[in-house]
């Protein structure tokens, strides 16, 4: 495949209530175009960005992952977003991607958000991940990861940088700027998916989910409302842009330690 039809699901999140959130997002899923090949949900879409994972975290064989598998199979599309996941005594803010055939890809957030105390309750991931899907190489990020350009640098030839978030209104200008910057500097599509509404910590979230092409041109920008948006990204267009403007060939060499 040379293209992906991506659906961004932007919605308020019911605090600590996975079943209610599954119902909300399932309604949005049922309204998507049938040609959709990738669905993106926000960070911690099933619970909200909670610092009490012991109350709501699930295992990888828990009901929320099972719901994602069922939806992926039913709608013939990949579905991804992050969840509070427990393994043994540890909790992770884990990006989970479910393929239509049930295959799972995971990425554990490498940069827990220290100001909220996330780093005290969630174990940080150790490595980045590339998801191979429908001919695309996809690099997932989770929220705070977006602020670290060295970590996100395109040294592994990805096509799409995909960031899921609970990014609050107070710093939304940084979100807007960083998404565009990551697209430009990495010569890749960049998509950011944020939530709306307020959480239990009284933080407000303005949506502002967006997509940019490899030159930083805006493809989608979503206002502050519960809604969906769809776009198609194309490998031929991306390759043509990189061939015409081979900026990545002049990038600096470095080793991330």
Protein backbone atom coordinates (compact mmCIF):
# COMPACT_ATOMS: atom_id res chain seq x y z
CA UNK A 1 0.00 0.00 0.00
CA UNK A 2 1.18 3.53 -0.76
CA UNK A 3 -1.40 5.38 1.32
CA UNK A 4 -3.04 5.30 4.72
CA UNK A 5 -6.48 6.69 5.48
CA UNK A 6 -6.20 7.80 9.09
CA UNK A 7 -9.01 8.72 11.47
CA UNK A 8 -8.29 10.95 14.48
CA UNK A 9 -10.73 10.42 17.35
CA UNK A 10 -10.75 13.49 19.59
CA UNK A 11 -13.02 13.29 22.62
CA UNK A 12 -13.47 14.06 26.30
CA UNK A 13 -12.45 11.16 28.55
CA UNK A 14 -14.59 9.87 31.39
CA UNK A 15 -12.37 9.68 34.48
CA UNK A 16 -11.40 6.15 35.57
CA UNK A 17 -14.19 4.55 33.53
CA UNK A 18 -12.90 2.32 30.71
CA UNK A 19 -16.35 0.96 29.82
CA UNK A 20 -17.84 4.44 29.37
CA UNK A 21 -14.87 5.47 27.24
CA UNK A 22 -15.11 2.36 25.11
CA UNK A 23 -18.74 3.25 24.44
CA UNK A 24 -17.84 6.84 23.51
CA UNK A 25 -15.10 5.85 21.10
CA UNK A 26 -17.08 2.94 19.68
CA UNK A 27 -19.77 5.41 18.64
CA UNK A 28 -17.13 7.44 16.79
CA UNK A 29 -15.69 4.27 15.23
CA UNK A 30 -19.09 3.28 13.89
CA UNK A 31 -19.33 6.60 12.03
CA UNK A 32 -15.96 6.36 10.24
CA UNK A 33 -15.54 5.88 6.49
CA UNK A 34 -15.21 2.19 5.64
CA UNK A 35 -11.89 2.83 3.88
CA UNK A 36 -10.22 3.85 7.18
CA UNK A 37 -7.00 1.89 7.72
CA UNK A 38 -5.68 3.45 10.96
CA UNK A 39 -7.58 4.86 13.94
CA UNK A 40 -5.78 6.95 16.56
CA UNK A 41 -7.08 7.53 20.11
CA UNK A 42 -5.53 9.93 22.66
CA UNK A 43 -3.12 9.18 25.50
CA UNK A 44 -4.70 7.10 28.30
CA UNK A 45 -7.98 7.21 26.41
CA UNK A 46 -9.63 4.62 28.67
CA UNK A 47 -9.01 6.33 32.04
CA UNK A 48 -7.65 9.84 31.68
CA UNK A 49 -4.08 10.81 32.60
CA UNK A 50 -4.21 9.35 36.08
CA UNK A 51 -1.49 9.25 38.73
CA UNK A 52 -3.34 6.42 40.48
CA UNK A 53 -2.81 3.51 38.07
CA UNK A 54 -3.28 1.01 40.88
CA UNK A 55 -7.00 1.84 40.69
CA UNK A 56 -7.52 1.32 36.96
CA UNK A 57 -4.51 -0.23 35.20
CA UNK A 58 -5.10 -3.43 33.26
CA UNK A 59 -2.88 -6.21 31.97
CA UNK A 60 -2.18 -6.89 28.31
CA UNK A 61 -4.88 -9.55 28.31
CA UNK A 62 -7.40 -7.31 30.06
CA UNK A 63 -10.80 -6.17 28.76
CA UNK A 64 -9.63 -2.91 27.18
CA UNK A 65 -7.06 -4.64 24.98
CA UNK A 66 -9.71 -7.21 24.10
CA UNK A 67 -12.05 -4.37 23.10
CA UNK A 68 -9.33 -2.89 20.86
CA UNK A 69 -8.83 -6.27 19.20
CA UNK A 70 -12.57 -6.67 18.63
CA UNK A 71 -12.88 -3.18 17.14
CA UNK A 72 -9.85 -3.66 14.89
CA UNK A 73 -11.25 -6.92 13.56
CA UNK A 74 -14.81 -5.61 13.16
CA UNK A 75 -13.78 -2.42 11.34
CA UNK A 76 -10.85 -3.94 9.42
CA UNK A 77 -8.51 -1.24 10.66
CA UNK A 78 -5.58 -0.81 13.01
CA UNK A 79 -6.39 0.98 16.27
CA UNK A 80 -3.87 2.66 18.56
CA UNK A 81 -3.60 4.85 21.65
CA UNK A 82 -1.99 4.66 25.09
CA UNK A 83 -3.22 2.88 28.21
CA UNK A 84 -2.24 2.44 31.86
CA UNK A 85 -0.81 -1.09 31.83
CA UNK A 86 0.40 -3.22 34.74
CA UNK A 87 3.13 -5.83 34.49
CA UNK A 88 4.00 -7.47 37.80
CA UNK A 89 4.50 -4.67 40.32
CA UNK A 90 5.18 -2.03 37.64
CA UNK A 91 2.90 0.36 35.76
CA UNK A 92 3.54 1.71 32.25
CA UNK A 93 2.03 4.43 30.12
CA UNK A 94 1.98 2.15 27.09
CA UNK A 95 1.18 2.96 23.49
CA UNK A 96 -0.64 -0.04 22.07
CA UNK A 97 -1.31 -0.60 18.38
CA UNK A 98 -3.64 -3.43 17.36
CA UNK A 99 -3.60 -4.60 13.74
CA UNK A 100 -6.78 -5.93 12.11
CA UNK A 101 -5.42 -9.48 12.44
CA UNK A 102 -4.87 -9.01 16.19
CA UNK A 103 -1.10 -8.45 16.04
CA UNK A 104 0.12 -6.08 18.77
CA UNK A 105 2.86 -3.46 18.73
CA UNK A 106 3.77 -1.65 21.94
CA UNK A 107 5.87 1.31 23.01
CA UNK A 108 6.38 2.36 26.64
CA UNK A 109 6.61 6.13 27.15
CA UNK A 110 10.30 6.95 27.56
CA UNK A 111 9.78 10.42 29.07
CA UNK A 112 7.28 10.33 31.96
CA UNK A 113 6.03 13.83 32.74
CA UNK A 114 7.96 14.68 35.91
CA UNK A 115 5.97 17.82 36.92
CA UNK A 116 2.83 15.69 37.39
CA UNK A 117 4.65 12.94 39.26
CA UNK A 118 4.25 10.49 36.39
CA UNK A 119 7.87 9.40 36.73
CA UNK A 120 7.18 8.31 40.32
CA UNK A 121 4.29 5.98 39.51
CA UNK A 122 5.04 4.78 35.95
CA UNK A 123 8.21 3.03 34.88
CA UNK A 124 9.90 4.74 31.92
CA UNK A 125 10.40 2.83 28.71
CA UNK A 126 13.93 2.23 27.51
CA UNK A 127 13.76 2.28 23.72
CA UNK A 128 11.90 3.73 20.77
CA UNK A 129 9.73 1.58 18.51
CA UNK A 130 9.02 1.38 14.80
CA UNK A 131 5.63 -0.04 13.82
CA UNK A 132 5.50 -1.61 10.35
CA UNK A 133 1.99 -1.34 8.99
CA UNK A 134 0.53 -1.27 5.48
CA UNK A 135 3.89 -0.36 3.97
CA UNK A 136 4.49 2.53 6.39
CA UNK A 137 7.09 2.87 9.11
CA UNK A 138 5.41 4.57 12.08
CA UNK A 139 7.24 5.98 15.11
CA UNK A 140 4.96 6.42 18.16
CA UNK A 141 5.43 9.09 20.83
CA UNK A 142 3.41 9.72 23.97
CA UNK A 143 2.77 13.33 24.98
CA UNK A 144 5.90 14.64 26.82
CA UNK A 145 8.13 12.70 24.37
CA UNK A 146 7.25 15.39 21.82
CA UNK A 147 9.44 17.94 23.64
CA UNK A 148 12.67 16.01 22.99
CA UNK A 149 13.91 16.47 19.41
CA UNK A 150 16.97 14.23 19.78
CA UNK A 151 14.79 11.33 20.89
CA UNK A 152 12.38 11.90 17.99
CA UNK A 153 15.11 12.39 15.37
CA UNK A 154 14.48 10.46 12.18
CA UNK A 155 17.52 8.19 12.16
CA UNK A 156 15.53 5.04 11.40
CA UNK A 157 13.76 6.16 8.24
CA UNK A 158 10.22 6.45 9.58
CA UNK A 159 7.42 7.88 7.46
CA UNK A 160 4.99 8.98 10.18
CA UNK A 161 5.63 10.39 13.64
CA UNK A 162 2.50 9.75 15.69
CA UNK A 163 2.01 11.44 19.06
CA UNK A 164 -0.93 10.72 21.39
CA UNK A 165 -1.43 13.13 24.28
CA UNK A 166 -3.29 14.68 27.16
CA UNK A 167 -1.83 18.14 26.47
CA UNK A 168 -3.42 20.90 28.58
CA UNK A 169 -4.71 24.24 27.34
CA UNK A 170 -2.15 26.22 29.35
CA UNK A 171 0.66 24.97 27.09
CA UNK A 172 -1.19 24.31 23.85
CA UNK A 173 0.95 26.76 21.86
CA UNK A 174 3.94 24.53 22.58
CA UNK A 175 1.97 21.53 21.28
CA UNK A 176 1.13 23.37 18.07
CA UNK A 177 4.71 24.51 17.51
CA UNK A 178 6.37 21.21 18.39
CA UNK A 179 4.17 19.10 16.12
CA UNK A 180 5.02 21.30 13.14
CA UNK A 181 8.71 21.41 14.08
CA UNK A 182 8.97 17.63 14.41
CA UNK A 183 7.47 17.26 10.91
CA UNK A 184 9.86 19.77 9.35
CA UNK A 185 13.08 18.62 10.98
CA UNK A 186 12.36 14.92 10.37
CA UNK A 187 10.94 15.23 6.84
CA UNK A 188 8.01 13.04 7.86
CA UNK A 189 4.28 13.25 8.35
CA UNK A 190 3.52 14.22 11.93
CA UNK A 191 0.15 13.67 13.58
CA UNK A 192 -0.79 14.63 17.13
CA UNK A 193 -3.99 13.42 18.81
CA UNK A 194 -5.14 15.23 21.97
CA UNK A 195 -8.22 14.99 24.18
CA UNK A 196 -10.87 17.55 25.12
CA UNK A 197 -12.71 18.40 28.36
CA UNK A 198 -11.46 18.50 31.95
CA UNK A 199 -9.93 15.81 34.13
CA UNK A 200 -10.09 15.11 37.88
CA UNK A 201 -7.10 17.43 38.44
CA UNK A 202 -9.11 20.34 36.97
CA UNK A 203 -6.88 20.57 33.91
CA UNK A 204 -8.58 21.69 30.70
CA UNK A 205 -7.75 20.14 27.33
CA UNK A 206 -8.51 22.02 24.11
CA UNK A 207 -8.25 19.28 21.50
CA UNK A 208 -6.07 20.90 18.81
CA UNK A 209 -5.30 17.53 17.26
CA UNK A 210 -3.42 18.17 14.03
CA UNK A 211 -1.54 16.72 11.10
CA UNK A 212 1.39 18.12 9.09
CA UNK A 213 3.26 16.99 6.01
CA UNK A 214 7.04 16.72 5.66
CA UNK A 215 7.36 20.44 4.92
CA UNK A 216 5.27 21.46 7.92
CA UNK A 217 2.17 22.31 5.90
CA UNK A 218 -1.01 21.90 7.93
CA UNK A 219 -3.21 19.06 6.70
CA UNK A 220 -5.72 19.06 9.56
CA UNK A 221 -6.31 21.19 12.63
CA UNK A 222 -9.17 20.26 14.95
CA UNK A 223 -10.94 22.80 17.13
CA UNK A 224 -12.02 22.33 20.76
CA UNK A 225 -14.88 19.88 20.36
CA UNK A 226 -15.58 16.17 20.46
CA UNK A 227 -15.23 15.10 16.86
CA UNK A 228 -13.40 12.97 14.34
CA UNK A 229 -11.30 13.91 11.34
CA UNK A 230 -9.90 11.84 8.50
CA UNK A 231 -6.95 12.33 6.20
CA UNK A 232 -4.95 10.32 3.71
CA UNK A 233 -1.16 10.28 3.75
CA UNK A 234 0.80 9.08 0.75
CA UNK A 235 4.23 7.45 0.51
CA UNK A 236 4.84 8.56 -3.09
CA UNK A 237 4.33 12.20 -2.11
CA UNK A 238 6.64 11.81 0.87
CA UNK A 239 9.39 10.17 -1.20
CA UNK A 240 9.10 12.82 -3.90
CA UNK A 241 9.46 15.58 -1.31
CA UNK A 242 12.51 13.93 0.25
CA UNK A 243 14.10 13.42 -3.18
CA UNK A 244 13.55 17.04 -4.18
CA UNK A 245 14.70 18.40 -0.82
CA UNK A 246 17.14 15.81 0.65
CA UNK A 247 17.57 17.56 4.00
CA UNK A 248 17.78 14.29 5.94
CA UNK A 249 20.96 13.35 4.10
CA UNK A 250 22.72 16.24 5.85
CA UNK A 251 21.57 15.42 9.37
CA UNK A 252 24.08 15.12 12.17
CA UNK A 253 25.30 11.72 13.32
CA UNK A 254 24.87 10.90 16.98
CA UNK A 255 24.32 8.04 19.38
CA UNK A 256 21.49 8.24 21.91
CA UNK A 257 22.60 6.87 25.31
